[in-house]
């Protein structure tokens, strides 16, 4: 299982990716834009070949970009 934590903000979002062994796989920032979200999913796909193996921890916006990509999300998504 892979875990993606996102600190969603108005201009830039901080992202952290880890796995079951708590190994740090990635930590980066993306822009609050369509291209930033595309970059997020490209980076996630690099580590997570099966989208059902990724869990997100975040508060999603009213646009629900995580749900629309068919990733599982727990919390206020």
Protein backbone atom coordinates (compact mmCIF):
# COMPACT_ATOMS: atom_id res chain seq x y z
CA UNK A 1 0.00 0.00 0.00
CA UNK A 2 1.11 3.54 -0.74
CA UNK A 3 0.06 6.65 1.13
CA UNK A 4 -0.13 10.13 -0.34
CA UNK A 5 -0.44 13.06 2.04
CA UNK A 6 -1.33 16.44 0.59
CA UNK A 7 -1.32 19.76 2.38
CA UNK A 8 -3.76 21.54 0.08
CA UNK A 9 -3.28 25.31 -0.01
CA UNK A 10 -4.36 28.24 -2.12
CA UNK A 11 -1.19 28.64 -4.22
CA UNK A 12 1.00 25.53 -3.76
CA UNK A 13 0.33 22.08 -2.32
CA UNK A 14 2.91 20.07 -0.38
CA UNK A 15 2.90 16.35 -1.19
CA UNK A 16 4.48 13.39 0.63
CA UNK A 17 4.44 9.78 -0.63
CA UNK A 18 5.32 6.81 1.57
CA UNK A 19 4.68 3.06 1.69
CA UNK A 20 3.85 0.39 4.28
CA UNK A 21 7.44 0.34 5.51
CA UNK A 22 7.31 4.14 6.10
CA UNK A 23 9.96 4.63 3.43
CA UNK A 24 9.96 8.17 2.06
CA UNK A 25 9.32 7.81 -1.66
CA UNK A 26 8.75 11.42 -2.56
CA UNK A 27 8.23 14.89 -1.13
CA UNK A 28 7.53 17.79 -3.43
CA UNK A 29 5.41 20.87 -4.06
CA UNK A 30 2.95 21.41 -6.89
CA UNK A 31 1.19 24.52 -8.14
CA UNK A 32 -2.50 25.04 -7.54
CA UNK A 33 -3.28 24.68 -11.23
CA UNK A 34 -4.40 22.08 -13.74
CA UNK A 35 -0.77 21.44 -14.71
CA UNK A 36 0.17 21.11 -11.03
CA UNK A 37 -2.51 18.45 -10.49
CA UNK A 38 -1.38 16.64 -13.65
CA UNK A 39 2.18 16.67 -12.28
CA UNK A 40 0.87 15.21 -9.01
CA UNK A 41 -0.74 12.25 -10.78
CA UNK A 42 2.29 11.68 -13.01
CA UNK A 43 4.52 11.47 -9.94
CA UNK A 44 2.11 9.14 -8.15
CA UNK A 45 1.95 6.84 -11.19
CA UNK A 46 5.75 6.57 -11.07
CA UNK A 47 5.50 4.79 -7.70
CA UNK A 48 1.99 3.35 -7.77
CA UNK A 49 1.24 1.16 -10.76
CA UNK A 50 -2.23 0.16 -9.49
CA UNK A 51 -4.29 3.19 -8.45
CA UNK A 52 -6.22 1.06 -5.97
CA UNK A 53 -2.99 0.68 -3.99
CA UNK A 54 -2.86 4.41 -3.17
CA UNK A 55 -4.62 6.02 -0.23
CA UNK A 56 -4.84 9.78 0.14
CA UNK A 57 -4.92 11.84 3.29
CA UNK A 58 -6.12 15.34 2.52
CA UNK A 59 -8.97 17.75 2.49
CA UNK A 60 -10.05 17.96 -1.11
CA UNK A 61 -11.57 21.04 -2.70
CA UNK A 62 -15.08 21.39 -4.02
CA UNK A 63 -13.73 20.18 -7.36
CA UNK A 64 -12.92 16.71 -5.95
CA UNK A 65 -9.87 16.11 -8.15
CA UNK A 66 -8.95 12.97 -6.20
CA UNK A 67 -12.34 11.26 -6.47
CA UNK A 68 -12.64 12.08 -10.16
CA UNK A 69 -9.40 10.18 -10.78
CA UNK A 70 -10.86 7.10 -9.01
CA UNK A 71 -8.34 6.97 -6.22
CA UNK A 72 -9.63 5.96 -2.80
CA UNK A 73 -9.82 8.79 -0.30
CA UNK A 74 -10.65 8.76 3.41
CA UNK A 75 -11.63 11.87 5.29
CA UNK A 76 -13.15 15.02 3.87
CA UNK A 77 -12.74 14.34 0.15
